[in-house]
Amino acid sequence: MKKILILFLTFLLFSSCGYKPIYSESENSNYKINIISTEGDKGINNLIVRNLNQKFNKSDGREITTKIKSNYSKRIVAKNAKGSVTDYELQINVNFEMVLKGTKKVFSIEERLNIKKLDDILKEKNYEKTVKKNLTSSIVDKLILRISTFEWS
């Protein structure tokens, strides 16, 4: 009975607190992202462009022209006693150059993650691909927050 009462009170508390997801129905949806150039890793750039087009799809919004330059690196972090690789660090660095109403903003967003080397090369490649997608999604989320906090003159 106590569990049900606590669950009910928790539901009642959170249902009236004014919670609103950060990325849904925000002011960001009145922007239109126009990507004029991309450089660097094509896979990462394609993921960024696809995510931005999904989030900023207003044709009547204020247009932000954007240049994207991405860099992906995979470096060895640790080796075992035999000298075999055991850990990698995956790093994605994306530079953005955005212009709205003559105001130019240049900034960089970086994500990195350490992963263990897997015995199966195919599984490792698939895992690396999944991590790249997740890190890129995180970069797009950070970009959206950055855009929403800009003081566009």
Protein backbone atom coordinates (compact mmCIF):
# COMPACT_ATOMS: atom_id res chain seq x y z
CA MET A 1 0.00 0.00 0.00
CA LYS A 2 2.87 2.35 0.83
CA LYS A 3 4.45 1.75 -2.57
CA ILE A 4 1.23 2.62 -4.36
CA LEU A 5 0.82 5.79 -2.29
CA ILE A 6 4.42 6.86 -2.95
CA LEU A 7 4.04 6.11 -6.67
CA PHE A 8 0.81 8.11 -6.82
CA LEU A 9 2.32 11.08 -4.97
CA THR A 10 5.40 11.03 -7.23
CA PHE A 11 3.22 10.96 -10.31
CA LEU A 12 1.09 13.81 -8.95
CA LEU A 13 4.20 15.84 -8.13
CA PHE A 14 5.83 15.43 -11.55
CA SER A 15 2.67 15.80 -13.60
CA SER A 16 2.15 19.37 -12.39
CA CYS A 17 5.72 20.61 -12.20
CA GLY A 18 5.78 22.15 -15.67
CA TYR A 19 8.34 19.73 -17.04
CA LYS A 20 8.96 20.20 -20.75
CA PRO A 21 11.54 18.34 -22.82
CA ILE A 22 14.41 20.58 -23.91
CA TYR A 23 14.30 19.80 -27.60
CA SER A 24 10.58 19.63 -28.27
CA GLU A 25 8.57 22.62 -29.40
CA SER A 26 11.37 25.05 -28.51
CA GLU A 27 12.24 28.40 -30.02
CA ASN A 28 14.87 26.62 -32.09
CA SER A 29 12.25 25.33 -34.45
CA ASN A 30 11.84 28.79 -36.02
CA TYR A 31 15.32 28.61 -37.54
CA LYS A 32 16.27 27.18 -40.88
CA ILE A 33 19.78 25.76 -41.16
CA ASN A 34 21.36 26.24 -44.58
CA ILE A 35 24.55 24.19 -44.77
CA ILE A 36 26.77 25.69 -47.46
CA SER A 37 29.83 23.46 -47.04
CA THR A 38 31.09 20.41 -45.19
CA GLU A 39 34.66 19.21 -44.80
CA GLY A 40 36.22 16.25 -43.08
CA ASP A 41 34.67 12.89 -42.26
CA LYS A 42 31.79 12.32 -44.71
CA GLY A 43 29.92 9.88 -42.47
CA ILE A 44 29.90 12.27 -39.52
CA ASN A 45 28.96 15.20 -41.74
CA ASN A 46 26.04 13.25 -43.22
CA LEU A 47 24.78 12.35 -39.74
CA ILE A 48 25.02 15.99 -38.61
CA VAL A 49 23.22 17.28 -41.71
CA ARG A 50 20.47 14.66 -41.37
CA ASN A 51 19.93 15.43 -37.66
CA LEU A 52 19.91 19.19 -38.25
CA ASN A 53 17.41 18.87 -41.08
CA GLN A 54 15.12 16.87 -38.81
CA LYS A 55 15.31 19.39 -35.97
CA PHE A 56 15.28 22.62 -38.01
CA ASN A 57 12.79 22.10 -40.78
CA LYS A 58 10.92 25.43 -40.83
CA SER A 59 11.00 26.95 -44.28
CA ASP A 60 9.73 30.30 -43.01
CA GLY A 61 12.22 30.61 -40.14
CA ARG A 62 15.30 32.77 -39.84
CA GLU A 63 18.05 31.30 -41.98
CA ILE A 64 21.41 30.42 -40.42
CA THR A 65 24.11 29.70 -42.99
CA THR A 66 26.50 27.10 -41.70
CA LYS A 67 29.89 25.64 -42.57
CA ILE A 68 30.84 22.34 -40.94
CA LYS A 69 34.32 20.89 -40.59
CA SER A 70 34.62 17.57 -38.79
CA ASN A 71 37.55 15.50 -37.65
CA TYR A 72 37.44 11.90 -36.43
CA SER A 73 40.33 10.16 -34.74
CA LYS A 74 40.90 6.77 -33.15
CA ARG A 75 44.00 6.52 -31.04
CA ILE A 76 45.51 3.84 -28.83
CA VAL A 77 45.12 4.53 -25.13
CA ALA A 78 46.38 1.34 -23.51
CA LYS A 79 48.33 -1.80 -24.32
CA ASN A 80 48.80 -5.01 -22.35
CA ALA A 81 52.15 -6.50 -21.27
CA LYS A 82 52.58 -8.20 -24.66
CA GLY A 83 52.19 -4.90 -26.47
CA SER A 84 48.74 -5.67 -27.88
CA VAL A 85 46.17 -2.88 -27.94
CA THR A 86 43.48 -3.13 -25.25
CA ASP A 87 41.80 0.31 -25.30
CA TYR A 88 41.09 2.99 -27.88
CA GLU A 89 39.92 6.57 -27.60
CA LEU A 90 37.40 7.70 -30.21
CA GLN A 91 37.28 11.46 -30.67
CA ILE A 92 35.06 13.63 -32.86
CA ASN A 93 35.75 17.33 -33.18
CA VAL A 94 33.37 19.49 -35.22
CA ASN A 95 33.98 23.15 -36.05
CA PHE A 96 30.93 25.25 -36.89
CA GLU A 97 30.85 28.63 -38.58
CA MET A 98 27.34 30.08 -38.40
CA VAL A 99 26.03 33.39 -39.76
CA LEU A 100 22.64 34.97 -39.04
CA LYS A 101 21.82 38.57 -39.94
CA GLY A 102 25.48 39.39 -40.47
CA THR A 103 26.48 38.07 -37.04
CA LYS A 104 29.13 35.34 -37.30
CA LYS A 105 29.65 32.73 -34.60
CA VAL A 106 32.57 30.30 -34.79
CA PHE A 107 32.92 27.50 -32.27
CA SER A 108 33.94 23.91 -31.84
CA ILE A 109 32.26 20.95 -30.14
CA GLU A 110 34.23 17.87 -29.16
CA GLU A 111 33.13 14.46 -27.94
CA ARG A 112 35.34 11.55 -26.95
CA LEU A 113 34.89 8.08 -25.54
CA ASN A 114 37.23 5.26 -24.53
CA ILE A 115 36.34 1.78 -25.76
CA LYS A 116 37.83 -1.67 -25.22
CA LYS A 117 39.29 -3.60 -28.12
CA LEU A 118 37.05 -6.52 -29.02
CA ASP A 119 38.27 -9.92 -30.20
CA ASP A 120 35.91 -9.98 -33.18
CA ILE A 121 36.92 -7.31 -35.72
CA LEU A 122 33.44 -7.14 -37.28
CA LYS A 123 31.80 -6.58 -33.89
CA GLU A 124 34.39 -3.92 -33.08
CA LYS A 125 33.70 -2.07 -36.37
CA ASN A 126 29.94 -2.19 -35.74
CA TYR A 127 30.42 -0.98 -32.18
CA GLU A 128 32.67 1.84 -33.38
CA LYS A 129 30.03 2.82 -35.95
CA THR A 130 27.35 2.91 -33.23
CA VAL A 131 29.56 5.01 -30.97
CA LYS A 132 30.20 7.45 -33.83
CA LYS A 133 26.43 7.83 -34.33
CA ASN A 134 25.86 8.42 -30.62
CA LEU A 135 28.70 10.94 -30.30
CA THR A 136 27.45 12.78 -33.40
CA SER A 137 23.93 12.90 -31.95
CA SER A 138 25.37 14.34 -28.76
CA ILE A 139 27.21 17.00 -30.77
CA VAL A 140 23.98 17.98 -32.54
CA ASP A 141 22.18 18.25 -29.18
CA LYS A 142 24.95 20.50 -27.87
CA LEU A 143 24.74 22.57 -31.06
CA ILE A 144 21.01 23.08 -30.55
CA LEU A 145 21.62 24.28 -26.99
CA ARG A 146 24.36 26.58 -28.24
CA ILE A 147 22.07 28.10 -30.90
CA SER A 148 19.33 28.69 -28.35
CA THR A 149 21.69 30.60 -26.07
CA PHE A 150 23.25 32.80 -28.77
CA GLU A 151 22.63 36.53 -28.70
CA TRP A 152 21.96 37.13 -32.39
CA SER A 153 22.25 40.87 -33.04
